Amino acid sequence: SGTHTVYWGTDVKAGKEPPDTYHAVVTATNVYEWGTSGDPVNVATQYSDWFDLCEGDFCESGDGATHPPGDCSKSDMIDIDDIVCIINYVFSSSPTWCPPYSVDADISGAGDVDDIVYLINYVFGGGPAPLPCTDWVTQHGVPACE
């Protein structure tokens, strides 16, 4: 989070801004909200490494801090409600918060039948718990929550 100045173009040198160089100031309050000034507006496509700065925010103070992968019902715990929520998402395309993160209990990168089986095994069979937010982000990057 914070304000970051980004330069790119054919001749970027130590913060100098020649006429053919683009300049943007990005202010991020959290993973979901950010504004830009300058040209071009879509900083994400020009400087994708900027999003690496948000990883800690999502897992430490964002939704990932309290809602682990697979917490589809957003209840702060993994239970049968999450199994039902993921079943609805997979088979009827029901909306959920922050897909695929919220429906990806096995952190494969997608919400699918494997996540349903994973949670059934965890809730009813003593299988492994879903991994923490930081493991999901390490494998897939910060989720593009809708």
N, C-alpha and C. Protein backbone atom coordinates (compact mmCIF):
# COMPACT_ATOMS: atom_id res chain seq x y z
N SER A 1 0.84 -1.18 0.00
CA SER A 1 0.00 0.00 0.00
C SER A 1 0.88 1.24 0.00
N GLY A 2 0.30 2.37 -0.21
CA GLY A 2 1.05 3.61 -0.26
C GLY A 2 1.06 4.17 -1.66
N THR A 3 1.89 5.17 -1.88
CA THR A 3 1.98 5.81 -3.19
C THR A 3 3.29 5.44 -3.84
N HIS A 4 3.23 5.05 -5.11
CA HIS A 4 4.40 4.62 -5.85
C HIS A 4 4.41 5.34 -7.20
N THR A 5 5.57 5.84 -7.59
CA THR A 5 5.72 6.48 -8.88
C THR A 5 6.40 5.50 -9.82
N VAL A 6 5.84 5.34 -11.00
CA VAL A 6 6.33 4.37 -11.97
C VAL A 6 6.64 5.10 -13.28
N TYR A 7 7.84 4.86 -13.83
CA TYR A 7 8.23 5.40 -15.12
C TYR A 7 8.51 4.25 -16.07
N TRP A 8 8.15 4.37 -17.32
CA TRP A 8 8.55 3.40 -18.33
C TRP A 8 8.54 4.09 -19.69
N GLY A 9 9.32 3.56 -20.60
CA GLY A 9 9.41 4.13 -21.94
C GLY A 9 10.72 3.75 -22.58
N THR A 10 11.07 4.47 -23.63
CA THR A 10 12.27 4.12 -24.38
C THR A 10 13.54 4.65 -23.72
N ASP A 11 13.43 5.66 -22.85
CA ASP A 11 14.63 6.24 -22.27
C ASP A 11 14.38 6.65 -20.81
N VAL A 12 14.24 5.67 -19.95
CA VAL A 12 13.99 5.96 -18.54
C VAL A 12 15.32 5.89 -17.80
N LYS A 13 15.70 7.00 -17.17
CA LYS A 13 16.97 7.05 -16.44
C LYS A 13 16.76 7.75 -15.11
N ALA A 14 16.93 7.03 -14.04
CA ALA A 14 16.96 7.57 -12.68
C ALA A 14 15.88 8.60 -12.40
N GLY A 15 14.65 8.28 -12.75
CA GLY A 15 13.54 9.16 -12.42
C GLY A 15 13.35 10.32 -13.36
N LYS A 16 14.17 10.43 -14.41
CA LYS A 16 13.98 11.51 -15.38
C LYS A 16 12.86 11.14 -16.33
N GLU A 17 12.19 12.11 -16.83
CA GLU A 17 11.01 11.86 -17.64
C GLU A 17 11.13 12.54 -19.01
N PRO A 18 11.82 11.89 -19.98
CA PRO A 18 11.89 12.47 -21.32
C PRO A 18 10.52 12.47 -21.98
N PRO A 19 10.33 13.19 -23.06
CA PRO A 19 9.00 13.33 -23.69
C PRO A 19 8.35 12.01 -24.09
N ASP A 20 9.14 10.98 -24.43
CA ASP A 20 8.54 9.72 -24.89
C ASP A 20 8.42 8.70 -23.77
N THR A 21 8.44 9.15 -22.52
CA THR A 21 8.33 8.26 -21.37
C THR A 21 6.98 8.45 -20.69
N TYR A 22 6.35 7.34 -20.30
CA TYR A 22 5.09 7.41 -19.57
C TYR A 22 5.36 7.49 -18.08
N HIS A 23 4.48 8.12 -17.38
CA HIS A 23 4.65 8.33 -15.94
C HIS A 23 3.28 8.12 -15.28
N ALA A 24 3.27 7.37 -14.20
CA ALA A 24 2.03 7.19 -13.45
C ALA A 24 2.33 7.21 -11.97
N VAL A 25 1.45 7.78 -11.21
CA VAL A 25 1.53 7.73 -9.76
C VAL A 25 0.39 6.83 -9.31
N VAL A 26 0.73 5.77 -8.60
CA VAL A 26 -0.26 4.79 -8.16
C VAL A 26 -0.42 4.91 -6.66
N THR A 27 -1.64 5.07 -6.21
CA THR A 27 -1.92 5.11 -4.79
C THR A 27 -2.81 3.91 -4.45
N ALA A 28 -2.32 3.06 -3.55
CA ALA A 28 -3.07 1.86 -3.18
C ALA A 28 -3.47 1.95 -1.72
N THR A 29 -4.75 1.79 -1.46
CA THR A 29 -5.21 1.74 -0.08
C THR A 29 -5.34 0.30 0.39
N ASN A 30 -5.58 -0.61 -0.53
CA ASN A 30 -5.57 -2.04 -0.27
C ASN A 30 -5.54 -2.77 -1.60
N VAL A 31 -5.66 -4.08 -1.59
CA VAL A 31 -5.57 -4.85 -2.82
C VAL A 31 -6.67 -4.48 -3.81
N TYR A 32 -7.82 -4.08 -3.33
CA TYR A 32 -8.96 -3.90 -4.20
C TYR A 32 -9.11 -2.49 -4.76
N GLU A 33 -8.56 -1.47 -4.08
CA GLU A 33 -8.76 -0.10 -4.50
C GLU A 33 -7.43 0.56 -4.84
N TRP A 34 -7.36 1.15 -6.01
CA TRP A 34 -6.19 1.95 -6.33
C TRP A 34 -6.56 2.92 -7.42
N GLY A 35 -5.92 4.03 -7.40
CA GLY A 35 -6.19 5.04 -8.40
C GLY A 35 -4.92 5.41 -9.13
N THR A 36 -5.05 6.01 -10.28
CA THR A 36 -3.88 6.41 -11.06
C THR A 36 -4.03 7.84 -11.52
N SER A 37 -2.91 8.45 -11.78
CA SER A 37 -2.91 9.73 -12.46
C SER A 37 -1.78 9.68 -13.45
N GLY A 38 -1.95 10.29 -14.57
CA GLY A 38 -0.93 10.24 -15.61
C GLY A 38 -1.42 9.44 -16.80
N ASP A 39 -0.50 9.10 -17.67
CA ASP A 39 -0.86 8.42 -18.91
C ASP A 39 0.11 7.28 -19.14
N PRO A 40 -0.26 6.06 -19.43
CA PRO A 40 -1.64 5.59 -19.58
C PRO A 40 -2.29 5.27 -18.25
N VAL A 41 -3.60 5.06 -18.28
CA VAL A 41 -4.35 4.81 -17.06
C VAL A 41 -4.12 3.39 -16.56
N ASN A 42 -4.04 2.42 -17.46
CA ASN A 42 -3.93 1.01 -17.04
C ASN A 42 -2.50 0.66 -16.68
N VAL A 43 -2.10 0.98 -15.47
CA VAL A 43 -0.74 0.72 -15.00
C VAL A 43 -0.48 -0.78 -14.90
N ALA A 44 -1.51 -1.55 -14.60
CA ALA A 44 -1.33 -2.99 -14.38
C ALA A 44 -0.74 -3.68 -15.60
N THR A 45 -1.15 -3.28 -16.80
CA THR A 45 -0.63 -3.95 -17.99
C THR A 45 0.78 -3.49 -18.32
N GLN A 46 1.15 -2.32 -17.85
CA GLN A 46 2.48 -1.79 -18.15
C GLN A 46 3.51 -2.17 -17.10
N TYR A 47 3.08 -2.39 -15.87
CA TYR A 47 4.03 -2.63 -14.80
C TYR A 47 3.44 -3.66 -13.84
N SER A 48 3.36 -4.90 -14.27
CA SER A 48 2.68 -5.93 -13.49
C SER A 48 3.39 -6.25 -12.19
N ASP A 49 4.69 -5.99 -12.09
CA ASP A 49 5.41 -6.28 -10.85
C ASP A 49 4.91 -5.44 -9.69
N TRP A 50 4.21 -4.35 -9.97
CA TRP A 50 3.70 -3.51 -8.89
C TRP A 50 2.80 -4.31 -7.96
N PHE A 51 2.04 -5.27 -8.51
CA PHE A 51 1.11 -6.02 -7.70
C PHE A 51 1.80 -6.88 -6.64
N ASP A 52 3.09 -7.18 -6.81
CA ASP A 52 3.82 -7.91 -5.78
C ASP A 52 3.80 -7.17 -4.45
N LEU A 53 3.67 -5.85 -4.49
CA LEU A 53 3.63 -5.06 -3.27
C LEU A 53 2.37 -5.31 -2.46
N CYS A 54 1.34 -5.87 -3.09
CA CYS A 54 0.06 -6.06 -2.42
C CYS A 54 -0.08 -7.41 -1.75
N GLU A 55 0.81 -8.34 -1.99
CA GLU A 55 0.65 -9.69 -1.47
C GLU A 55 0.48 -9.71 0.04
N GLY A 56 1.34 -9.01 0.75
CA GLY A 56 1.25 -8.99 2.20
C GLY A 56 -0.05 -8.40 2.69
N ASP A 57 -0.53 -7.34 2.02
CA ASP A 57 -1.77 -6.69 2.45
C ASP A 57 -2.95 -7.66 2.38
N PHE A 58 -3.05 -8.43 1.30
CA PHE A 58 -4.20 -9.33 1.15
C PHE A 58 -4.19 -10.41 2.23
N CYS A 59 -3.02 -10.96 2.54
CA CYS A 59 -2.93 -12.04 3.51
C CYS A 59 -2.86 -11.54 4.95
N GLU A 60 -2.40 -10.32 5.17
CA GLU A 60 -2.22 -9.82 6.53
C GLU A 60 -3.37 -8.94 7.01
N SER A 61 -3.98 -8.20 6.10
CA SER A 61 -5.05 -7.32 6.55
C SER A 61 -6.26 -7.34 5.63
N GLY A 62 -6.18 -8.04 4.51
CA GLY A 62 -7.31 -8.14 3.59
C GLY A 62 -8.16 -9.36 3.89
N ASP A 63 -9.00 -9.73 2.94
CA ASP A 63 -9.89 -10.88 3.12
C ASP A 63 -9.13 -12.17 3.39
N GLY A 64 -7.94 -12.33 2.82
CA GLY A 64 -7.18 -13.55 3.04
C GLY A 64 -6.72 -13.72 4.48
N ALA A 65 -6.69 -12.63 5.24
CA ALA A 65 -6.25 -12.72 6.63
C ALA A 65 -7.25 -13.48 7.49
N THR A 66 -8.52 -13.33 7.21
CA THR A 66 -9.53 -13.99 8.03
C THR A 66 -10.26 -15.10 7.30
N HIS A 67 -10.23 -15.09 5.98
CA HIS A 67 -10.95 -16.09 5.20
C HIS A 67 -9.96 -16.89 4.36
N PRO A 68 -9.61 -18.09 4.81
CA PRO A 68 -8.62 -18.89 4.07
C PRO A 68 -9.19 -19.40 2.75
N PRO A 69 -8.32 -19.90 1.85
CA PRO A 69 -8.82 -20.51 0.62
C PRO A 69 -9.83 -21.60 0.97
N GLY A 70 -10.96 -21.59 0.29
CA GLY A 70 -12.00 -22.58 0.56
C GLY A 70 -13.07 -22.10 1.52
N ASP A 71 -12.90 -20.93 2.15
CA ASP A 71 -13.92 -20.39 3.05
C ASP A 71 -14.97 -19.67 2.20
N CYS A 72 -15.65 -20.45 1.37
CA CYS A 72 -16.61 -19.93 0.40
C CYS A 72 -17.75 -19.18 1.06
N SER A 73 -18.16 -19.60 2.25
CA SER A 73 -19.28 -18.96 2.95
C SER A 73 -18.85 -17.72 3.72
N LYS A 74 -17.55 -17.45 3.75
CA LYS A 74 -16.98 -16.28 4.41
C LYS A 74 -17.36 -16.21 5.89
N SER A 75 -17.24 -17.36 6.55
CA SER A 75 -17.64 -17.45 7.96
C SER A 75 -16.43 -17.50 8.91
N ASP A 76 -15.24 -17.41 8.39
CA ASP A 76 -13.99 -17.48 9.18
C ASP A 76 -13.68 -18.89 9.66
N MET A 77 -14.41 -19.89 9.19
CA MET A 77 -14.11 -21.27 9.53
C MET A 77 -14.55 -22.18 8.38
N ILE A 78 -13.90 -23.32 8.27
CA ILE A 78 -14.22 -24.26 7.20
C ILE A 78 -15.20 -25.29 7.75
N ASP A 79 -16.38 -25.38 7.12
CA ASP A 79 -17.39 -26.33 7.58
C ASP A 79 -18.28 -26.75 6.42
N ILE A 80 -19.39 -27.42 6.72
CA ILE A 80 -20.27 -27.93 5.68
C ILE A 80 -20.86 -26.81 4.82
N ASP A 81 -21.02 -25.63 5.38
CA ASP A 81 -21.52 -24.50 4.60
C ASP A 81 -20.60 -24.20 3.42
N ASP A 82 -19.30 -24.35 3.62
CA ASP A 82 -18.35 -24.11 2.54
C ASP A 82 -18.46 -25.18 1.46
N ILE A 83 -18.70 -26.42 1.87
CA ILE A 83 -18.89 -27.50 0.90
C ILE A 83 -20.09 -27.20 0.02
N VAL A 84 -21.21 -26.82 0.64
CA VAL A 84 -22.42 -26.49 -0.11
C VAL A 84 -22.19 -25.28 -1.01
N CYS A 85 -21.50 -24.28 -0.50
CA CYS A 85 -21.21 -23.07 -1.28
C CYS A 85 -20.39 -23.40 -2.52
N ILE A 86 -19.37 -24.26 -2.38
CA ILE A 86 -18.54 -24.63 -3.53
C ILE A 86 -19.32 -25.51 -4.50
N ILE A 87 -20.19 -26.40 -3.99
CA ILE A 87 -21.05 -27.20 -4.87
C ILE A 87 -21.91 -26.26 -5.72
N ASN A 88 -22.51 -25.26 -5.09
CA ASN A 88 -23.33 -24.30 -5.84
C ASN A 88 -22.51 -23.54 -6.87
N TYR A 89 -21.30 -23.17 -6.51
CA TYR A 89 -20.43 -22.44 -7.45
C TYR A 89 -20.06 -23.32 -8.64
N VAL A 90 -19.66 -24.57 -8.37
CA VAL A 90 -19.18 -25.46 -9.43
C VAL A 90 -20.31 -25.90 -10.35
N PHE A 91 -21.46 -26.26 -9.79
CA PHE A 91 -22.52 -26.86 -10.60
C PHE A 91 -23.60 -25.91 -11.07
N SER A 92 -23.71 -24.75 -10.45
CA SER A 92 -24.74 -23.81 -10.92
C SER A 92 -24.21 -22.41 -11.15
N SER A 93 -22.89 -22.26 -11.13
CA SER A 93 -22.24 -20.96 -11.37
C SER A 93 -22.75 -19.87 -10.43
N SER A 94 -23.11 -20.26 -9.21
CA SER A 94 -23.55 -19.27 -8.22
C SER A 94 -22.39 -18.35 -7.87
N PRO A 95 -22.66 -17.07 -7.71
CA PRO A 95 -21.58 -16.14 -7.37
C PRO A 95 -21.04 -16.39 -5.97
N THR A 96 -19.81 -16.03 -5.76
CA THR A 96 -19.19 -16.09 -4.44
C THR A 96 -18.21 -14.94 -4.35
N TRP A 97 -17.68 -14.69 -3.19
CA TRP A 97 -16.72 -13.60 -3.03
C TRP A 97 -15.35 -14.06 -3.55
N CYS A 98 -14.66 -13.24 -4.21
CA CYS A 98 -13.26 -13.41 -4.64
C CYS A 98 -12.95 -14.77 -5.28
N PRO A 99 -13.66 -15.16 -6.35
CA PRO A 99 -13.24 -16.38 -7.03
C PRO A 99 -11.95 -16.12 -7.79
N PRO A 100 -11.07 -17.10 -7.97
CA PRO A 100 -11.20 -18.48 -7.54
C PRO A 100 -10.74 -18.71 -6.10
N TYR A 101 -10.16 -17.71 -5.46
CA TYR A 101 -9.58 -17.88 -4.12
C TYR A 101 -10.56 -18.51 -3.13
N SER A 102 -11.77 -17.99 -3.07
CA SER A 102 -12.73 -18.42 -2.05
C SER A 102 -13.24 -19.85 -2.24
N VAL A 103 -13.11 -20.39 -3.44
CA VAL A 103 -13.61 -21.75 -3.72
C VAL A 103 -12.48 -22.74 -3.96
N ASP A 104 -11.25 -22.32 -3.76
CA ASP A 104 -10.08 -23.13 -4.10
C ASP A 104 -9.43 -23.73 -2.86
N ALA A 105 -10.11 -24.69 -2.22
CA ALA A 105 -9.62 -25.28 -0.97
C ALA A 105 -8.30 -26.02 -1.14
N ASP A 106 -8.08 -26.62 -2.30
CA ASP A 106 -6.85 -27.39 -2.52
C ASP A 106 -5.75 -26.56 -3.19
N ILE A 107 -5.95 -25.28 -3.30
CA ILE A 107 -5.08 -24.27 -3.90
C ILE A 107 -4.50 -24.69 -5.26
N SER A 108 -5.34 -25.30 -6.09
CA SER A 108 -4.92 -25.69 -7.44
C SER A 108 -5.01 -24.53 -8.42
N GLY A 109 -5.73 -23.47 -8.04
CA GLY A 109 -5.89 -22.32 -8.92
C GLY A 109 -7.27 -22.23 -9.53
N ALA A 110 -8.14 -23.22 -9.25
CA ALA A 110 -9.49 -23.21 -9.80
C ALA A 110 -10.46 -23.80 -8.78
N GLY A 111 -11.70 -23.38 -8.85
CA GLY A 111 -12.75 -23.98 -8.03
C GLY A 111 -13.40 -25.10 -8.81
N ASP A 112 -13.28 -26.33 -8.33
CA ASP A 112 -13.81 -27.48 -9.06
C ASP A 112 -14.19 -28.60 -8.10
N VAL A 113 -14.56 -29.75 -8.66
CA VAL A 113 -15.00 -30.89 -7.86
C VAL A 113 -13.92 -31.32 -6.88
N ASP A 114 -12.66 -31.19 -7.26
CA ASP A 114 -11.57 -31.57 -6.35
C ASP A 114 -11.63 -30.79 -5.04
N ASP A 115 -12.07 -29.54 -5.09
CA ASP A 115 -12.19 -28.74 -3.87
C ASP A 115 -13.31 -29.25 -2.98
N ILE A 116 -14.39 -29.71 -3.60
CA ILE A 116 -15.50 -30.29 -2.83
C ILE A 116 -15.02 -31.53 -2.10
N VAL A 117 -14.33 -32.42 -2.82
CA VAL A 117 -13.81 -33.66 -2.22
C VAL A 117 -12.80 -33.34 -1.13
N TYR A 118 -11.94 -32.35 -1.37
CA TYR A 118 -10.93 -31.94 -0.39
C TYR A 118 -11.60 -31.52 0.92
N LEU A 119 -12.64 -30.68 0.82
CA LEU A 119 -13.30 -30.20 2.04
C LEU A 119 -14.12 -31.29 2.72
N ILE A 120 -14.75 -32.17 1.95
CA ILE A 120 -15.47 -33.29 2.56
C ILE A 120 -14.49 -34.14 3.37
N ASN A 121 -13.33 -34.40 2.79
CA ASN A 121 -12.30 -35.18 3.49
C ASN A 121 -11.83 -34.46 4.75
N TYR A 122 -11.68 -33.15 4.68
CA TYR A 122 -11.23 -32.37 5.85
C TYR A 122 -12.32 -32.33 6.93
N VAL A 123 -13.55 -31.95 6.55
CA VAL A 123 -14.62 -31.75 7.53
C VAL A 123 -15.09 -33.07 8.15
N PHE A 124 -15.20 -34.11 7.33
CA PHE A 124 -15.78 -35.36 7.83
C PHE A 124 -14.79 -36.50 8.00
N GLY A 125 -13.61 -36.40 7.38
CA GLY A 125 -12.70 -37.53 7.41
C GLY A 125 -11.36 -37.27 8.06
N GLY A 126 -11.18 -36.09 8.62
CA GLY A 126 -9.91 -35.80 9.28
C GLY A 126 -8.76 -35.54 8.33
N GLY A 127 -9.07 -35.17 7.09
CA GLY A 127 -8.03 -34.87 6.10
C GLY A 127 -7.35 -33.54 6.40
N PRO A 128 -6.36 -33.17 5.58
CA PRO A 128 -5.62 -31.93 5.82
C PRO A 128 -6.48 -30.68 5.66
N ALA A 129 -6.19 -29.70 6.49
CA ALA A 129 -6.88 -28.41 6.41
C ALA A 129 -6.41 -27.65 5.17
N PRO A 130 -7.25 -26.76 4.66
CA PRO A 130 -6.79 -25.89 3.57
C PRO A 130 -5.55 -25.12 4.00
N LEU A 131 -4.65 -24.90 3.07
CA LEU A 131 -3.42 -24.16 3.35
C LEU A 131 -3.73 -22.68 3.56
N PRO A 132 -2.83 -21.94 4.16
CA PRO A 132 -3.09 -20.53 4.43
C PRO A 132 -3.04 -19.66 3.17
N CYS A 133 -3.52 -18.47 3.34
CA CYS A 133 -3.54 -17.47 2.27
C CYS A 133 -2.19 -17.32 1.59
N THR A 134 -1.13 -17.23 2.38
CA THR A 134 0.20 -16.97 1.81
C THR A 134 0.62 -18.06 0.84
N ASP A 135 0.23 -19.31 1.08
CA ASP A 135 0.57 -20.38 0.14
C ASP A 135 -0.17 -20.20 -1.18
N TRP A 136 -1.45 -19.78 -1.10
CA TRP A 136 -2.22 -19.55 -2.33
C TRP A 136 -1.58 -18.42 -3.14
N VAL A 137 -1.24 -17.32 -2.46
CA VAL A 137 -0.65 -16.17 -3.14
C VAL A 137 0.72 -16.53 -3.72
N THR A 138 1.51 -17.33 -3.02
CA THR A 138 2.81 -17.74 -3.55
C THR A 138 2.66 -18.49 -4.87
N GLN A 139 1.65 -19.35 -4.96
CA GLN A 139 1.45 -20.15 -6.17
C GLN A 139 0.74 -19.41 -7.29
N HIS A 140 -0.20 -18.51 -6.94
CA HIS A 140 -1.07 -17.93 -7.97
C HIS A 140 -1.05 -16.41 -8.03
N GLY A 141 -0.37 -15.74 -7.12
CA GLY A 141 -0.39 -14.29 -7.08
C GLY A 141 -1.61 -13.77 -6.33
N VAL A 142 -1.70 -12.49 -6.19
CA VAL A 142 -2.83 -11.88 -5.49
C VAL A 142 -4.08 -12.12 -6.32
N PRO A 143 -5.15 -12.66 -5.71
CA PRO A 143 -6.35 -12.94 -6.49
C PRO A 143 -6.99 -11.66 -7.00
N ALA A 144 -7.50 -11.74 -8.20
CA ALA A 144 -8.22 -10.61 -8.80
C ALA A 144 -9.69 -10.71 -8.38
N CYS A 145 -9.97 -10.33 -7.16
CA CYS A 145 -11.32 -10.47 -6.62
C CYS A 145 -12.30 -9.64 -7.44
N GLU A 146 -13.43 -10.23 -7.74
CA GLU A 146 -14.45 -9.53 -8.53
C GLU A 146 -15.34 -8.69 -7.64
